[in-house]
């Protein structure tokens, strides 16, 4: 889930940036330092939204920069266990599909796609379901549930999010739309039949 969070951090302003308005210089320094970073408790810092307050500057002996403590609002993405999320398939491999979930990628292992037998079509880079004939390929939009989270602060690219589609109302969005239409048509037919029966 996305969260707006108020944080405090200290940033160094380089000597060549000291001519800039202080709020702008601090905002740029915060973006350069923190955007894309991961904290296990807070999640991934997606963007610095606003610098709320900047304290007095401090200098260190032998350092030409100035250090400021800044209070700022940030947009965070924190994957939460059992959260239902939507994303786009960014890569299909033999063992599953990688899905862009917020600023991170999650993996739906083939065992978590469906009860159906799944085969990998390497030529077309897709996973094909044997009984239904349906397939998942790059660019498909999916709805899945988060079942495992392991965030790596030192190397954000090593963070892992496990996903599943093996529950009702989860799957490729176009399949879910088809199911909703079918159920809507069944409901309509049932109502029409019951109203005809009532008239007779």
Protein backbone atom coordinates (compact mmCIF):
# COMPACT_ATOMS: atom_id res chain seq x y z
CA UNK A 1 0.00 0.00 0.00
CA UNK A 2 1.05 3.59 -0.56
CA UNK A 3 1.50 5.81 2.49
CA UNK A 4 2.25 9.48 2.99
CA UNK A 5 4.80 9.60 5.81
CA UNK A 6 6.45 12.50 7.65
CA UNK A 7 10.16 11.85 8.21
CA UNK A 8 13.25 13.64 9.51
CA UNK A 9 16.76 13.28 8.09
CA UNK A 10 20.02 15.20 7.82
CA UNK A 11 21.36 16.10 4.38
CA UNK A 12 24.59 17.66 3.14
CA UNK A 13 24.36 20.63 0.79
CA UNK A 14 27.39 20.92 -1.51
CA UNK A 15 29.17 24.30 -1.63
CA UNK A 16 28.05 24.89 -5.26
CA UNK A 17 24.39 24.55 -4.19
CA UNK A 18 24.62 27.11 -1.38
CA UNK A 19 23.47 29.89 -3.73
CA UNK A 20 20.11 28.14 -4.27
CA UNK A 21 17.06 28.82 -2.07
CA UNK A 22 17.57 26.58 0.97
CA UNK A 23 14.26 24.68 0.63
CA UNK A 24 15.02 23.85 -3.02
CA UNK A 25 18.60 22.77 -2.22
CA UNK A 26 17.44 20.57 0.68
CA UNK A 27 14.63 19.07 -1.42
CA UNK A 28 17.10 18.16 -4.18
CA UNK A 29 19.57 16.68 -1.66
CA UNK A 30 16.79 14.58 -0.08
CA UNK A 31 15.70 13.27 -3.49
CA UNK A 32 19.28 12.37 -4.44
CA UNK A 33 19.92 10.66 -1.10
CA UNK A 34 16.66 8.84 -0.35
CA UNK A 35 14.46 8.16 -3.39
CA UNK A 36 14.60 4.46 -4.25
CA UNK A 37 15.91 3.49 -0.81
CA UNK A 38 14.22 0.77 1.26
CA UNK A 39 13.59 0.61 4.98
CA UNK A 40 12.33 -2.70 6.42
CA UNK A 41 9.78 -0.96 8.65
CA UNK A 42 8.68 1.87 6.36
CA UNK A 43 9.00 0.25 2.92
CA UNK A 44 10.35 1.78 -0.29
CA UNK A 45 10.67 5.56 -0.53
CA UNK A 46 9.06 6.43 -3.87
CA UNK A 47 9.20 10.24 -3.84
CA UNK A 48 9.90 13.28 -1.68
CA UNK A 49 6.60 15.20 -1.74
CA UNK A 50 7.35 18.32 0.26
CA UNK A 51 10.00 19.81 2.54
CA UNK A 52 8.11 20.96 5.64
CA UNK A 53 10.88 22.45 7.77
CA UNK A 54 14.66 22.98 7.64
CA UNK A 55 16.71 23.49 10.79
CA UNK A 56 19.85 25.59 11.24
CA UNK A 57 22.82 24.61 9.11
CA UNK A 58 25.93 23.03 10.65
CA UNK A 59 29.43 22.80 9.26
CA UNK A 60 32.15 20.28 10.00
CA UNK A 61 35.83 21.13 10.17
CA UNK A 62 37.48 20.42 6.81
CA UNK A 63 34.14 19.93 4.97
CA UNK A 64 32.94 22.65 2.61
CA UNK A 65 29.33 21.43 2.74
CA UNK A 66 26.59 22.50 5.14
CA UNK A 67 24.45 19.94 6.98
CA UNK A 68 20.75 20.58 7.56
CA UNK A 69 18.19 18.59 9.52
CA UNK A 70 15.02 18.54 7.44
CA UNK A 71 11.43 17.47 8.14
CA UNK A 72 9.69 16.30 4.98
CA UNK A 73 6.72 14.36 3.63
CA UNK A 74 7.47 11.29 1.53
CA UNK A 75 5.43 8.84 -0.52
CA UNK A 76 6.24 5.32 0.68
CA UNK A 77 5.25 1.94 -0.75
CA UNK A 78 4.96 -0.81 1.85
CA UNK A 79 3.89 -4.29 0.70
CA UNK A 80 1.59 -5.79 3.33
CA UNK A 81 0.95 -9.51 3.84
CA UNK A 82 -2.45 -10.66 2.45
CA UNK A 83 -2.96 -7.33 0.64
CA UNK A 84 -4.71 -7.65 -2.73
CA UNK A 85 -2.81 -5.65 -5.34
CA UNK A 86 -2.80 -5.09 -9.08
CA UNK A 87 0.25 -4.96 -11.32
CA UNK A 88 1.61 -5.51 -14.82
CA UNK A 89 3.61 -8.56 -15.91
CA UNK A 90 7.14 -7.33 -16.62
CA UNK A 91 8.80 -10.68 -17.38
CA UNK A 92 7.73 -14.28 -17.94
CA UNK A 93 10.16 -17.09 -17.12
CA UNK A 94 9.89 -20.87 -16.90
CA UNK A 95 9.20 -20.85 -13.15
CA UNK A 96 6.68 -17.97 -13.06
CA UNK A 97 5.84 -14.37 -13.84
CA UNK A 98 7.42 -11.21 -12.44
CA UNK A 99 4.81 -8.52 -11.77
CA UNK A 100 5.45 -4.81 -11.19
CA UNK A 101 3.85 -4.06 -7.83
CA UNK A 102 4.34 -0.41 -6.92
CA UNK A 103 8.06 0.39 -7.34
CA UNK A 104 9.05 -3.26 -6.72
CA UNK A 105 8.64 -6.53 -8.61
CA UNK A 106 6.79 -9.51 -7.18
CA UNK A 107 6.92 -13.13 -8.34
CA UNK A 108 3.97 -15.40 -8.99
CA UNK A 109 5.49 -18.88 -9.04
CA UNK A 110 3.84 -21.31 -11.51
CA UNK A 111 2.46 -23.25 -8.53
CA UNK A 112 0.61 -20.09 -7.42
CA UNK A 113 -0.97 -19.27 -10.80
CA UNK A 114 -3.75 -21.85 -10.99
CA UNK A 115 -4.81 -25.44 -10.24
CA UNK A 116 -4.47 -26.12 -13.98
CA UNK A 117 -1.25 -27.57 -15.50
CA UNK A 118 0.99 -24.70 -16.70
CA UNK A 119 3.55 -24.97 -19.50
CA UNK A 120 6.17 -22.42 -20.55
CA UNK A 121 6.13 -21.23 -24.17
CA UNK A 122 9.67 -19.80 -24.45
CA UNK A 123 9.27 -18.82 -28.10
CA UNK A 124 6.40 -16.44 -27.28
CA UNK A 125 7.53 -15.76 -23.68
CA UNK A 126 4.27 -16.83 -22.06
CA UNK A 127 2.80 -19.29 -19.58
CA UNK A 128 -0.05 -21.38 -21.02
CA UNK A 129 -2.79 -23.08 -18.97
CA UNK A 130 -3.49 -26.56 -20.40
CA UNK A 131 -7.24 -27.00 -19.77
CA UNK A 132 -8.51 -23.45 -20.36
CA UNK A 133 -6.00 -22.52 -23.08
CA UNK A 134 -5.52 -19.16 -21.39
CA UNK A 135 -2.06 -17.60 -21.22
CA UNK A 136 -0.09 -14.98 -19.31
CA UNK A 137 2.43 -12.83 -21.14
CA UNK A 138 4.37 -9.57 -20.68
CA UNK A 139 2.12 -6.51 -20.39
CA UNK A 140 -0.86 -8.41 -18.93
CA UNK A 141 -2.58 -6.73 -15.98
CA UNK A 142 -3.13 -9.03 -13.00
CA UNK A 143 -4.75 -8.95 -9.58
CA UNK A 144 -2.90 -10.99 -6.94
CA UNK A 145 -2.49 -11.36 -3.19
CA UNK A 146 0.81 -10.75 -1.38
CA UNK A 147 1.85 -13.93 0.48
CA UNK A 148 5.54 -13.28 1.23
CA UNK A 149 7.61 -10.13 1.83
CA UNK A 150 11.37 -9.86 2.25
CA UNK A 151 12.78 -6.33 1.91
CA UNK A 152 16.53 -5.85 1.51
CA UNK A 153 17.73 -2.43 2.72
CA UNK A 154 21.30 -2.86 1.42
CA UNK A 155 20.32 -3.96 -2.08
CA UNK A 156 16.72 -2.99 -3.02
CA UNK A 157 16.94 -5.15 -6.18
CA UNK A 158 17.30 -8.21 -3.93
CA UNK A 159 13.95 -7.53 -2.22
CA UNK A 160 11.40 -10.30 -2.72
CA UNK A 161 7.60 -10.19 -2.85
CA UNK A 162 5.72 -13.48 -3.28
CA UNK A 163 2.28 -13.37 -4.93
CA UNK A 164 -0.59 -15.81 -5.51
CA UNK A 165 -3.56 -15.89 -7.90
CA UNK A 166 -5.00 -19.17 -6.57
CA UNK A 167 -8.07 -17.63 -4.93
CA UNK A 168 -11.44 -16.34 -6.17
CA UNK A 169 -11.46 -12.80 -7.63
CA UNK A 170 -7.72 -13.00 -8.41
CA UNK A 171 -6.14 -13.42 -11.86
CA UNK A 172 -5.74 -11.63 -15.15
CA UNK A 173 -8.07 -8.61 -15.19
CA UNK A 174 -9.67 -9.48 -18.53
CA UNK A 175 -10.55 -12.97 -17.17
CA UNK A 176 -12.16 -11.37 -14.12
CA UNK A 177 -14.18 -9.06 -16.38
CA UNK A 178 -15.38 -12.07 -18.42
CA UNK A 179 -16.43 -13.87 -15.23
CA UNK A 180 -18.30 -10.77 -13.99
CA UNK A 181 -20.16 -10.50 -17.34
CA UNK A 182 -21.09 -14.20 -17.25
CA UNK A 183 -22.40 -13.88 -13.69
CA UNK A 184 -24.31 -10.71 -14.65
CA UNK A 185 -25.92 -12.55 -17.60
CA UNK A 186 -26.84 -15.53 -15.38
CA UNK A 187 -28.42 -13.19 -12.83
CA UNK A 188 -30.36 -11.39 -15.56
CA UNK A 189 -31.62 -14.71 -17.01
CA UNK A 190 -32.65 -15.94 -13.53
CA UNK A 191 -34.60 -12.72 -12.85
CA UNK A 192 -36.32 -12.90 -16.25
CA UNK A 193 -37.29 -16.55 -15.67
CA UNK A 194 -38.62 -15.84 -12.17
CA UNK A 195 -40.67 -12.86 -13.42
CA UNK A 196 -42.15 -15.01 -16.23
CA UNK A 197 -42.98 -17.71 -13.71
CA UNK A 198 -44.73 -15.17 -11.47
CA UNK A 199 -46.94 -13.93 -14.34
CA UNK A 200 -48.11 -17.44 -15.21
